């Protein structure tokens, strides 16, 4: 759920910085959310808000956005590492949980 990246900001995190080229080839600085692999760990905080429906053969899951933002922000504010993915060395998780980017990343 893309809205969880906004909840990251609301909980005190700064978005990560990346560089991209626009259609004209100019290099632009863009802000992006953190690693999303740990977001399923927010499920206990979001569970009371979940709404599901069957549409044809698919099952849809939805959340009221204001309440979901509040619940996710509360969970992250209380426990920043709650969204850390399974990779303990993940630099995106590490930097996001610390509040945003920490110095330059090593070039590979």
PDB file of N, CA and C in Angstrom:
ATOM      1  N   UNK A   1       0.857  -1.170   0.000  1.00  0.00           N
ATOM      2  CA  UNK A   1       0.000   0.000   0.000  1.00  0.00           C
ATOM      3  C   UNK A   1       0.906   1.238   0.000  1.00  0.00           C
ATOM      4  N   UNK A   2       0.878   1.986  -1.068  1.00  0.00           N
ATOM      5  CA  UNK A   2       1.739   3.151  -1.238  1.00  0.00           C
ATOM      6  C   UNK A   2       1.566   4.170  -0.118  1.00  0.00           C
ATOM      7  N   UNK A   3       0.384   4.262   0.441  1.00  0.00           N
ATOM      8  CA  UNK A   3       0.133   5.229   1.520  1.00  0.00           C
ATOM      9  C   UNK A   3       1.045   4.986   2.723  1.00  0.00           C
ATOM     10  N   UNK A   4       1.569   3.771   2.871  1.00  0.00           N
ATOM     11  CA  UNK A   4       2.450   3.501   4.009  1.00  0.00           C
ATOM     12  C   UNK A   4       3.755   4.294   3.922  1.00  0.00           C
ATOM     13  N   UNK A   5       4.164   4.676   2.711  1.00  0.00           N
ATOM     14  CA  UNK A   5       5.343   5.536   2.596  1.00  0.00           C
ATOM     15  C   UNK A   5       5.047   6.922   3.177  1.00  0.00           C
ATOM     16  N   UNK A   6       3.811   7.389   3.033  1.00  0.00           N
ATOM     17  CA  UNK A   6       3.429   8.662   3.656  1.00  0.00           C
ATOM     18  C   UNK A   6       3.409   8.508   5.181  1.00  0.00           C
ATOM     19  N   UNK A   7       2.961   7.357   5.655  1.00  0.00           N
ATOM     20  CA  UNK A   7       2.972   7.098   7.106  1.00  0.00           C
ATOM     21  C   UNK A   7       4.403   7.126   7.636  1.00  0.00           C
ATOM     22  N   UNK A   8       5.363   6.686   6.821  1.00  0.00           N
ATOM     23  CA  UNK A   8       6.770   6.773   7.234  1.00  0.00           C
ATOM     24  C   UNK A   8       7.142   8.226   7.531  1.00  0.00           C
ATOM     25  N   UNK A   9       6.760   9.112   6.619  1.00  0.00           N
ATOM     26  CA  UNK A   9       7.044  10.538   6.824  1.00  0.00           C
ATOM     27  C   UNK A   9       6.346  11.057   8.079  1.00  0.00           C
ATOM     28  N   UNK A  10       5.092  10.688   8.265  1.00  0.00           N
ATOM     29  CA  UNK A  10       4.333  11.149   9.420  1.00  0.00           C
ATOM     30  C   UNK A  10       4.956  10.667  10.726  1.00  0.00           C
ATOM     31  N   UNK A  11       5.652   9.519  10.676  1.00  0.00           N
ATOM     32  CA  UNK A  11       6.268   8.975  11.891  1.00  0.00           C
ATOM     33  C   UNK A  11       7.643   9.584  12.171  1.00  0.00           C
ATOM     34  N   UNK A  12       8.085  10.521  11.318  1.00  0.00           N
ATOM     35  CA  UNK A  12       9.352  11.206  11.562  1.00  0.00           C
ATOM     36  C   UNK A  12      10.491  10.817  10.654  1.00  0.00           C
ATOM     37  N   UNK A  13      10.245   9.917   9.725  1.00  0.00           N
ATOM     38  CA  UNK A  13      11.294   9.541   8.781  1.00  0.00           C
ATOM     39  C   UNK A  13      11.361  10.526   7.632  1.00  0.00           C
ATOM     40  N   UNK A  14      12.572  10.704   7.097  1.00  0.00           N
ATOM     41  CA  UNK A  14      12.747  11.498   5.883  1.00  0.00           C
ATOM     42  C   UNK A  14      12.846  10.532   4.710  1.00  0.00           C
ATOM     43  N   UNK A  15      12.255  10.890   3.596  1.00  0.00           N
ATOM     44  CA  UNK A  15      12.321  10.024   2.427  1.00  0.00           C
ATOM     45  C   UNK A  15      13.757   9.892   1.942  1.00  0.00           C
ATOM     46  N   UNK A  16      14.051   8.755   1.332  1.00  0.00           N
ATOM     47  CA  UNK A  16      15.376   8.510   0.780  1.00  0.00           C
ATOM     48  C   UNK A  16      15.528   9.280  -0.529  1.00  0.00           C
ATOM     49  N   UNK A  17      16.762   9.501  -0.936  1.00  0.00           N
ATOM     50  CA  UNK A  17      17.049  10.276  -2.145  1.00  0.00           C
ATOM     51  C   UNK A  17      17.603   9.346  -3.214  1.00  0.00           C
ATOM     52  N   UNK A  18      17.100   9.500  -4.419  1.00  0.00           N
ATOM     53  CA  UNK A  18      17.606   8.769  -5.582  1.00  0.00           C
ATOM     54  C   UNK A  18      17.783   9.766  -6.711  1.00  0.00           C
ATOM     55  N   UNK A  19      18.468   9.331  -7.740  1.00  0.00           N
ATOM     56  CA  UNK A  19      18.703  10.170  -8.903  1.00  0.00           C
ATOM     57  C   UNK A  19      18.107   9.476 -10.113  1.00  0.00           C
ATOM     58  N   UNK A  20      17.456  10.260 -10.977  1.00  0.00           N
ATOM     59  CA  UNK A  20      16.826   9.702 -12.176  1.00  0.00           C
ATOM     60  C   UNK A  20      16.939  10.705 -13.317  1.00  0.00           C
ATOM     61  N   UNK A  21      16.839  10.201 -14.506  1.00  0.00           N
ATOM     62  CA  UNK A  21      16.803  11.076 -15.692  1.00  0.00           C
ATOM     63  C   UNK A  21      15.354  11.276 -16.100  1.00  0.00           C
ATOM     64  N   UNK A  22      15.024  12.526 -16.464  1.00  0.00           N
ATOM     65  CA  UNK A  22      13.679  12.785 -16.960  1.00  0.00           C
ATOM     66  C   UNK A  22      13.636  12.494 -18.457  1.00  0.00           C
ATOM     67  N   UNK A  23      12.500  12.727 -19.081  1.00  0.00           N
ATOM     68  CA  UNK A  23      12.338  12.422 -20.505  1.00  0.00           C
ATOM     69  C   UNK A  23      13.336  13.192 -21.376  1.00  0.00           C
ATOM     70  N   UNK A  24      13.777  14.346 -20.902  1.00  0.00           N
ATOM     71  CA  UNK A  24      14.736  15.146 -21.656  1.00  0.00           C
ATOM     72  C   UNK A  24      16.186  14.791 -21.359  1.00  0.00           C
ATOM     73  N   UNK A  25      16.401  13.806 -20.496  1.00  0.00           N
ATOM     74  CA  UNK A  25      17.757  13.377 -20.181  1.00  0.00           C
ATOM     75  C   UNK A  25      18.401  14.119 -19.018  1.00  0.00           C
ATOM     76  N   UNK A  26      17.709  15.081 -18.420  1.00  0.00           N
ATOM     77  CA  UNK A  26      18.268  15.805 -17.269  1.00  0.00           C
ATOM     78  C   UNK A  26      18.258  14.913 -16.041  1.00  0.00           C
ATOM     79  N   UNK A  27      19.295  15.033 -15.225  1.00  0.00           N
ATOM     80  CA  UNK A  27      19.378  14.269 -13.983  1.00  0.00           C
ATOM     81  C   UNK A  27      18.644  15.048 -12.894  1.00  0.00           C
ATOM     82  N   UNK A  28      17.723  14.375 -12.230  1.00  0.00           N
ATOM     83  CA  UNK A  28      16.922  15.002 -11.189  1.00  0.00           C
ATOM     84  C   UNK A  28      17.060  14.233  -9.879  1.00  0.00           C
ATOM     85  N   UNK A  29      17.017  14.954  -8.780  1.00  0.00           N
ATOM     86  CA  UNK A  29      16.957  14.328  -7.472  1.00  0.00           C
ATOM     87  C   UNK A  29      15.485  14.037  -7.185  1.00  0.00           C
ATOM     88  N   UNK A  30      15.186  12.802  -6.786  1.00  0.00           N
ATOM     89  CA  UNK A  30      13.812  12.438  -6.446  1.00  0.00           C
ATOM     90  C   UNK A  30      13.812  11.779  -5.070  1.00  0.00           C
ATOM     91  N   UNK A  31      12.754  11.981  -4.359  1.00  0.00           N
ATOM     92  CA  UNK A  31      12.612  11.356  -3.046  1.00  0.00           C
ATOM     93  C   UNK A  31      11.750  10.118  -3.209  1.00  0.00           C
ATOM     94  N   UNK A  32      12.108   9.081  -2.467  1.00  0.00           N
ATOM     95  CA  UNK A  32      11.413   7.807  -2.595  1.00  0.00           C
ATOM     96  C   UNK A  32      11.226   7.166  -1.224  1.00  0.00           C
ATOM     97  N   UNK A  33      10.257   6.299  -1.138  1.00  0.00           N
ATOM     98  CA  UNK A  33      10.010   5.589   0.111  1.00  0.00           C
ATOM     99  C   UNK A  33      11.079   4.548   0.386  1.00  0.00           C
ATOM    100  N   UNK A  34      11.003   3.969   1.543  1.00  0.00           N
ATOM    101  CA  UNK A  34      11.990   2.977   1.956  1.00  0.00           C
ATOM    102  C   UNK A  34      11.680   1.617   1.352  1.00  0.00           C
ATOM    103  N   UNK A  35      12.421   0.633   1.794  1.00  0.00           N
ATOM    104  CA  UNK A  35      12.170  -0.763   1.452  1.00  0.00           C
ATOM    105  C   UNK A  35      10.769  -1.120   1.954  1.00  0.00           C
ATOM    106  N   UNK A  36       9.997  -1.738   1.110  1.00  0.00           N
ATOM    107  CA  UNK A  36       8.628  -2.080   1.487  1.00  0.00           C
ATOM    108  C   UNK A  36       8.481  -3.522   1.950  1.00  0.00           C
ATOM    109  N   UNK A  37       9.548  -4.288   1.904  1.00  0.00           N
ATOM    110  CA  UNK A  37       9.467  -5.712   2.224  1.00  0.00           C
ATOM    111  C   UNK A  37       9.007  -5.973   3.664  1.00  0.00           C
ATOM    112  N   UNK A  38       9.232  -5.020   4.578  1.00  0.00           N
ATOM    113  CA  UNK A  38       8.820  -5.205   5.962  1.00  0.00           C
ATOM    114  C   UNK A  38       7.423  -4.695   6.276  1.00  0.00           C
ATOM    115  N   UNK A  39       6.760  -4.086   5.311  1.00  0.00           N
ATOM    116  CA  UNK A  39       5.431  -3.534   5.568  1.00  0.00           C
ATOM    117  C   UNK A  39       4.415  -4.578   6.050  1.00  0.00           C
ATOM    118  N   UNK A  40       4.500  -5.852   5.640  1.00  0.00           N
ATOM    119  CA  UNK A  40       3.552  -6.826   6.193  1.00  0.00           C
ATOM    120  C   UNK A  40       3.624  -6.931   7.719  1.00  0.00           C
ATOM    121  N   UNK A  41       4.712  -6.488   8.316  1.00  0.00           N
ATOM    122  CA  UNK A  41       4.824  -6.524   9.776  1.00  0.00           C
ATOM    123  C   UNK A  41       3.894  -5.503  10.444  1.00  0.00           C
ATOM    124  N   UNK A  42       3.307  -4.610   9.653  1.00  0.00           N
ATOM    125  CA  UNK A  42       2.328  -3.650  10.180  1.00  0.00           C
ATOM    126  C   UNK A  42       0.919  -4.261  10.246  1.00  0.00           C
ATOM    127  N   UNK A  43       0.763  -5.473   9.763  1.00  0.00           N
ATOM    128  CA  UNK A  43      -0.552  -6.108   9.691  1.00  0.00           C
ATOM    129  C   UNK A  43      -1.303  -6.106  11.014  1.00  0.00           C
ATOM    130  N   UNK A  44      -0.662  -6.395  12.152  1.00  0.00           N
ATOM    131  CA  UNK A  44      -1.434  -6.358  13.406  1.00  0.00           C
ATOM    132  C   UNK A  44      -2.060  -4.984  13.687  1.00  0.00           C
ATOM    133  N   UNK A  45      -1.373  -3.914  13.334  1.00  0.00           N
ATOM    134  CA  UNK A  45      -1.912  -2.567  13.564  1.00  0.00           C
ATOM    135  C   UNK A  45      -3.027  -2.235  12.581  1.00  0.00           C
ATOM    136  N   UNK A  46      -2.956  -2.825  11.378  1.00  0.00           N
ATOM    137  CA  UNK A  46      -3.946  -2.520  10.347  1.00  0.00           C
ATOM    138  C   UNK A  46      -5.120  -3.493  10.326  1.00  0.00           C
ATOM    139  N   UNK A  47      -4.963  -4.643  10.948  1.00  0.00           N
ATOM    140  CA  UNK A  47      -5.992  -5.699  10.911  1.00  0.00           C
ATOM    141  C   UNK A  47      -7.391  -5.208  11.283  1.00  0.00           C
ATOM    142  N   UNK A  48      -7.550  -4.389  12.319  1.00  0.00           N
ATOM    143  CA  UNK A  48      -8.913  -3.955  12.666  1.00  0.00           C
ATOM    144  C   UNK A  48      -9.584  -3.093  11.593  1.00  0.00           C
ATOM    145  N   UNK A  49      -8.802  -2.586  10.659  1.00  0.00           N
ATOM    146  CA  UNK A  49      -9.345  -1.684   9.642  1.00  0.00           C
ATOM    147  C   UNK A  49      -9.635  -2.363   8.307  1.00  0.00           C
ATOM    148  N   UNK A  50      -9.175  -3.584   8.144  1.00  0.00           N
ATOM    149  CA  UNK A  50      -9.252  -4.245   6.840  1.00  0.00           C
ATOM    150  C   UNK A  50     -10.689  -4.458   6.391  1.00  0.00           C
ATOM    151  N   UNK A  51     -10.872  -4.256   5.101  1.00  0.00           N
ATOM    152  CA  UNK A  51     -12.162  -4.519   4.455  1.00  0.00           C
ATOM    153  C   UNK A  51     -11.858  -5.378   3.232  1.00  0.00           C
ATOM    154  N   UNK A  52     -12.559  -6.476   3.091  1.00  0.00           N
ATOM    155  CA  UNK A  52     -12.326  -7.356   1.945  1.00  0.00           C
ATOM    156  C   UNK A  52     -13.615  -7.524   1.157  1.00  0.00           C
ATOM    157  N   UNK A  53     -13.448  -7.806  -0.118  1.00  0.00           N
ATOM    158  CA  UNK A  53     -14.592  -8.046  -0.999  1.00  0.00           C
ATOM    159  C   UNK A  53     -14.150  -8.989  -2.107  1.00  0.00           C
ATOM    160  N   UNK A  54     -15.085  -9.723  -2.645  1.00  0.00           N
ATOM    161  CA  UNK A  54     -14.816 -10.567  -3.799  1.00  0.00           C
ATOM    162  C   UNK A  54     -15.294  -9.835  -5.031  1.00  0.00           C
ATOM    163  N   UNK A  55     -14.408  -9.739  -5.997  1.00  0.00           N
ATOM    164  CA  UNK A  55     -14.746  -9.118  -7.271  1.00  0.00           C
ATOM    165  C   UNK A  55     -14.408 -10.150  -8.338  1.00  0.00           C
ATOM    166  N   UNK A  56     -15.429 -10.746  -8.907  1.00  0.00           N
ATOM    167  CA  UNK A  56     -15.193 -11.834  -9.850  1.00  0.00           C
ATOM    168  C   UNK A  56     -14.485 -12.973  -9.133  1.00  0.00           C
ATOM    169  N   UNK A  57     -13.371 -13.388  -9.676  1.00  0.00           N
ATOM    170  CA  UNK A  57     -12.584 -14.467  -9.076  1.00  0.00           C
ATOM    171  C   UNK A  57     -11.515 -13.950  -8.121  1.00  0.00           C
ATOM    172  N   UNK A  58     -11.392 -12.635  -7.956  1.00  0.00           N
ATOM    173  CA  UNK A  58     -10.326 -12.093  -7.111  1.00  0.00           C
ATOM    174  C   UNK A  58     -10.867 -11.595  -5.769  1.00  0.00           C
ATOM    175  N   UNK A  59      -9.972 -11.593  -4.805  1.00  0.00           N
ATOM    176  CA  UNK A  59     -10.300 -11.078  -3.470  1.00  0.00           C
ATOM    177  C   UNK A  59      -9.585  -9.741  -3.312  1.00  0.00           C
ATOM    178  N   UNK A  60     -10.321  -8.697  -3.020  1.00  0.00           N
ATOM    179  CA  UNK A  60      -9.760  -7.365  -2.860  1.00  0.00           C
ATOM    180  C   UNK A  60      -9.674  -7.030  -1.379  1.00  0.00           C
ATOM    181  N   UNK A  61      -8.600  -6.322  -1.015  1.00  0.00           N
ATOM    182  CA  UNK A  61      -8.402  -5.859   0.351  1.00  0.00           C
ATOM    183  C   UNK A  61      -8.257  -4.351   0.302  1.00  0.00           C
ATOM    184  N   UNK A  62      -8.951  -3.652   1.178  1.00  0.00           N
ATOM    185  CA  UNK A  62      -8.893  -2.196   1.204  1.00  0.00           C
ATOM    186  C   UNK A  62      -8.897  -1.713   2.655  1.00  0.00           C
ATOM    187  N   UNK A  63      -8.416  -0.501   2.835  1.00  0.00           N
ATOM    188  CA  UNK A  63      -8.354   0.128   4.160  1.00  0.00           C
ATOM    189  C   UNK A  63      -8.824   1.571   4.029  1.00  0.00           C
ATOM    190  N   UNK A  64      -9.534   2.090   5.021  1.00  0.00           N
ATOM    191  CA  UNK A  64      -9.853   3.524   5.008  1.00  0.00           C
ATOM    192  C   UNK A  64      -8.539   4.280   5.215  1.00  0.00           C
ATOM    193  N   UNK A  65      -8.192   5.150   4.287  1.00  0.00           N
ATOM    194  CA  UNK A  65      -6.840   5.712   4.248  1.00  0.00           C
ATOM    195  C   UNK A  65      -6.468   6.529   5.486  1.00  0.00           C
ATOM    196  N   UNK A  66      -7.324   7.384   5.975  1.00  0.00           N
ATOM    197  CA  UNK A  66      -6.969   8.208   7.138  1.00  0.00           C
ATOM    198  C   UNK A  66      -6.694   7.345   8.368  1.00  0.00           C
ATOM    199  N   UNK A  67      -7.563   6.367   8.588  1.00  0.00           N
ATOM    200  CA  UNK A  67      -7.388   5.486   9.738  1.00  0.00           C
ATOM    201  C   UNK A  67      -6.148   4.600   9.576  1.00  0.00           C
ATOM    202  N   UNK A  68      -5.903   4.135   8.351  1.00  0.00           N
ATOM    203  CA  UNK A  68      -4.730   3.294   8.097  1.00  0.00           C
ATOM    204  C   UNK A  68      -3.443   4.094   8.285  1.00  0.00           C
ATOM    205  N   UNK A  69      -3.422   5.344   7.815  1.00  0.00           N
ATOM    206  CA  UNK A  69      -2.252   6.202   8.024  1.00  0.00           C
ATOM    207  C   UNK A  69      -2.001   6.418   9.512  1.00  0.00           C
ATOM    208  N   UNK A  70      -3.054   6.673  10.250  1.00  0.00           N
ATOM    209  CA  UNK A  70      -2.926   6.903  11.685  1.00  0.00           C
ATOM    210  C   UNK A  70      -2.402   5.656  12.397  1.00  0.00           C
ATOM    211  N   UNK A  71      -2.949   4.496  12.059  1.00  0.00           N
ATOM    212  CA  UNK A  71      -2.525   3.249  12.698  1.00  0.00           C
ATOM    213  C   UNK A  71      -1.077   2.902  12.342  1.00  0.00           C
ATOM    214  N   UNK A  72      -0.715   3.047  11.074  1.00  0.00           N
ATOM    215  CA  UNK A  72       0.651   2.735  10.643  1.00  0.00           C
ATOM    216  C   UNK A  72       1.647   3.714  11.245  1.00  0.00           C
ATOM    217  N   UNK A  73       1.300   4.988  11.256  1.00  0.00           N
ATOM    218  CA  UNK A  73       2.172   6.004  11.855  1.00  0.00           C
ATOM    219  C   UNK A  73       2.360   5.726  13.338  1.00  0.00           C
ATOM    220  N   UNK A  74       1.292   5.374  14.021  1.00  0.00           N
ATOM    221  CA  UNK A  74       1.386   5.059  15.448  1.00  0.00           C
ATOM    222  C   UNK A  74       2.288   3.865  15.704  1.00  0.00           C
ATOM    223  N   UNK A  75       2.154   2.824  14.864  1.00  0.00           N
ATOM    224  CA  UNK A  75       2.990   1.627  15.035  1.00  0.00           C
ATOM    225  C   UNK A  75       4.459   1.956  14.778  1.00  0.00           C
ATOM    226  N   UNK A  76       4.744   2.754  13.751  1.00  0.00           N
ATOM    227  CA  UNK A  76       6.133   3.116  13.432  1.00  0.00           C
ATOM    228  C   UNK A  76       6.707   4.071  14.475  1.00  0.00           C
ATOM    229  N   UNK A  77       5.913   4.985  14.961  1.00  0.00           N
ATOM    230  CA  UNK A  77       6.397   5.920  15.982  1.00  0.00           C
ATOM    231  C   UNK A  77       6.743   5.187  17.276  1.00  0.00           C
ATOM    232  N   UNK A  78       5.943   4.187  17.609  1.00  0.00           N
ATOM    233  CA  UNK A  78       6.179   3.424  18.838  1.00  0.00           C
ATOM    234  C   UNK A  78       7.360   2.465  18.703  1.00  0.00           C
ATOM    235  N   UNK A  79       7.603   1.987  17.472  1.00  0.00           N
ATOM    236  CA  UNK A  79       8.639   0.979  17.247  1.00  0.00           C
ATOM    237  C   UNK A  79       9.164   1.120  15.821  1.00  0.00           C
ATOM    238  N   UNK A  80      10.113   2.043  15.593  1.00  0.00           N
ATOM    239  CA  UNK A  80      10.612   2.297  14.240  1.00  0.00           C
ATOM    240  C   UNK A  80      11.056   1.019  13.518  1.00  0.00           C
ATOM    241  N   UNK A  81      11.751   0.081  14.163  1.00  0.00           N
ATOM    242  CA  UNK A  81      12.179  -1.126  13.441  1.00  0.00           C
ATOM    243  C   UNK A  81      11.052  -2.075  13.034  1.00  0.00           C
ATOM    244  N   UNK A  82       9.810  -1.755  13.379  1.00  0.00           N
ATOM    245  CA  UNK A  82       8.706  -2.649  13.038  1.00  0.00           C
ATOM    246  C   UNK A  82       8.652  -2.934  11.536  1.00  0.00           C
ATOM    247  N   UNK A  83       9.131  -2.037  10.695  1.00  0.00           N
ATOM    248  CA  UNK A  83       9.048  -2.235   9.246  1.00  0.00           C
ATOM    249  C   UNK A  83      10.323  -2.796   8.636  1.00  0.00           C
ATOM    250  N   UNK A  84      11.300  -3.163   9.457  1.00  0.00           N
ATOM    251  CA  UNK A  84      12.551  -3.703   8.899  1.00  0.00           C
ATOM    252  C   UNK A  84      12.261  -5.025   8.199  1.00  0.00           C
ATOM    253  N   UNK A  85      12.811  -5.192   7.001  1.00  0.00           N
ATOM    254  CA  UNK A  85      12.615  -6.425   6.245  1.00  0.00           C
ATOM    255  C   UNK A  85      13.455  -7.561   6.846  1.00  0.00           C
ATOM    256  N   UNK A  86      13.394  -8.721   6.242  1.00  0.00           N
ATOM    257  CA  UNK A  86      14.111  -9.892   6.751  1.00  0.00           C
ATOM    258  C   UNK A  86      15.627  -9.789   6.576  1.00  0.00           C
ATOM    259  N   UNK A  87      16.093  -8.899   5.696  1.00  0.00           N
ATOM    260  CA  UNK A  87      17.529  -8.731   5.460  1.00  0.00           C
ATOM    261  C   UNK A  87      18.082  -7.758   6.493  1.00  0.00           C
ATOM    262  N   UNK A  88      18.755  -8.275   7.511  1.00  0.00           N
ATOM    263  CA  UNK A  88      19.285  -7.424   8.586  1.00  0.00           C
ATOM    264  C   UNK A  88      20.263  -6.374   8.077  1.00  0.00           C
ATOM    265  N   UNK A  89      20.882  -6.599   6.909  1.00  0.00           N
ATOM    266  CA  UNK A  89      21.834  -5.645   6.357  1.00  0.00           C
ATOM    267  C   UNK A  89      21.232  -4.684   5.349  1.00  0.00           C
ATOM    268  N   UNK A  90      19.923  -4.672   5.214  1.00  0.00           N
ATOM    269  CA  UNK A  90      19.261  -3.824   4.202  1.00  0.00           C
ATOM    270  C   UNK A  90      19.559  -2.349   4.471  1.00  0.00           C
ATOM    271  N   UNK A  91      20.276  -1.659   3.564  1.00  0.00           N
ATOM    272  CA  UNK A  91      20.601  -0.249   3.802  1.00  0.00           C
ATOM    273  C   UNK A  91      19.381   0.659   3.748  1.00  0.00           C
ATOM    274  N   UNK A  92      18.382   0.326   2.945  1.00  0.00           N
ATOM    275  CA  UNK A  92      17.181   1.166   2.870  1.00  0.00           C
ATOM    276  C   UNK A  92      16.419   1.121   4.181  1.00  0.00           C
ATOM    277  N   UNK A  93      16.288  -0.077   4.765  1.00  0.00           N
ATOM    278  CA  UNK A  93      15.614  -0.195   6.068  1.00  0.00           C
ATOM    279  C   UNK A  93      16.432   0.519   7.139  1.00  0.00           C
ATOM    280  N   UNK A  94      17.728   0.254   7.169  1.00  0.00           N
ATOM    281  CA  UNK A  94      18.594   0.858   8.187  1.00  0.00           C
ATOM    282  C   UNK A  94      18.483   2.384   8.157  1.00  0.00           C
ATOM    283  N   UNK A  95      18.621   2.965   6.969  1.00  0.00           N
ATOM    284  CA  UNK A  95      18.604   4.421   6.861  1.00  0.00           C
ATOM    285  C   UNK A  95      17.226   5.001   7.157  1.00  0.00           C
ATOM    286  N   UNK A  96      16.164   4.348   6.707  1.00  0.00           N
ATOM    287  CA  UNK A  96      14.809   4.846   6.970  1.00  0.00           C
ATOM    288  C   UNK A  96      14.496   4.828   8.455  1.00  0.00           C
ATOM    289  N   UNK A  97      14.804   3.723   9.094  1.00  0.00           N
ATOM    290  CA  UNK A  97      14.511   3.577  10.517  1.00  0.00           C
ATOM    291  C   UNK A  97      15.312   4.582  11.335  1.00  0.00           C
ATOM    292  N   UNK A  98      16.505   4.923  10.855  1.00  0.00           N
ATOM    293  CA  UNK A  98      17.335   5.907  11.550  1.00  0.00           C
ATOM    294  C   UNK A  98      16.835   7.339  11.328  1.00  0.00           C
ATOM    295  N   UNK A  99      15.838   7.507  10.472  1.00  0.00           N
ATOM    296  CA  UNK A  99      15.272   8.827  10.241  1.00  0.00           C
ATOM    297  C   UNK A  99      15.521   9.378   8.873  1.00  0.00           C
ATOM    298  N   UNK A 100      16.262   8.677   8.062  1.00  0.00           N
ATOM    299  CA  UNK A 100      16.550   9.121   6.696  1.00  0.00           C
ATOM    300  C   UNK A 100      17.961   8.721   6.317  1.00  0.00           C
ATOM    301  N   UNK A 101      18.421   9.195   5.189  1.00  0.00           N
ATOM    302  CA  UNK A 101      19.748   8.815   4.710  1.00  0.00           C
ATOM    303  C   UNK A 101      20.852   9.162   5.694  1.00  0.00           C
ATOM    304  N   UNK A 102      21.820   8.272   5.806  1.00  0.00           N
ATOM    305  CA  UNK A 102      22.986   8.497   6.672  1.00  0.00           C
ATOM    306  C   UNK A 102      24.223   8.509   5.779  1.00  0.00           C
ATOM    307  N   UNK A 103      24.640   9.672   5.370  1.00  0.00           N
ATOM    308  CA  UNK A 103      25.847   9.796   4.554  1.00  0.00           C
ATOM    309  C   UNK A 103      25.704   9.157   3.190  1.00  0.00           C
ATOM    310  N   UNK A 104      26.748   9.272   2.386  1.00  0.00           N
ATOM    311  CA  UNK A 104      26.694   8.727   1.027  1.00  0.00           C
ATOM    312  C   UNK A 104      26.770   7.204   1.030  1.00  0.00           C
ATOM    313  N   UNK A 105      26.082   6.605   0.083  1.00  0.00           N
ATOM    314  CA  UNK A 105      26.133   5.147  -0.066  1.00  0.00           C
ATOM    315  C   UNK A 105      27.376   4.787  -0.869  1.00  0.00           C
ATOM    316  N   UNK A 106      27.994   3.670  -0.564  1.00  0.00           N
ATOM    317  CA  UNK A 106      29.165   3.257  -1.344  1.00  0.00           C
ATOM    318  C   UNK A 106      28.760   2.893  -2.765  1.00  0.00           C
ATOM    319  N   UNK A 107      29.591   3.264  -3.711  1.00  0.00           N
ATOM    320  CA  UNK A 107      29.325   2.918  -5.120  1.00  0.00           C
ATOM    321  C   UNK A 107      29.789   1.493  -5.358  1.00  0.00           C
ATOM    322  N   UNK A 108      29.043   0.764  -6.149  1.00  0.00           N
ATOM    323  CA  UNK A 108      29.402  -0.626  -6.448  1.00  0.00           C
ATOM    324  C   UNK A 108      29.908  -0.751  -7.841  1.00  0.00           C
TER     325      UNK A 108
END
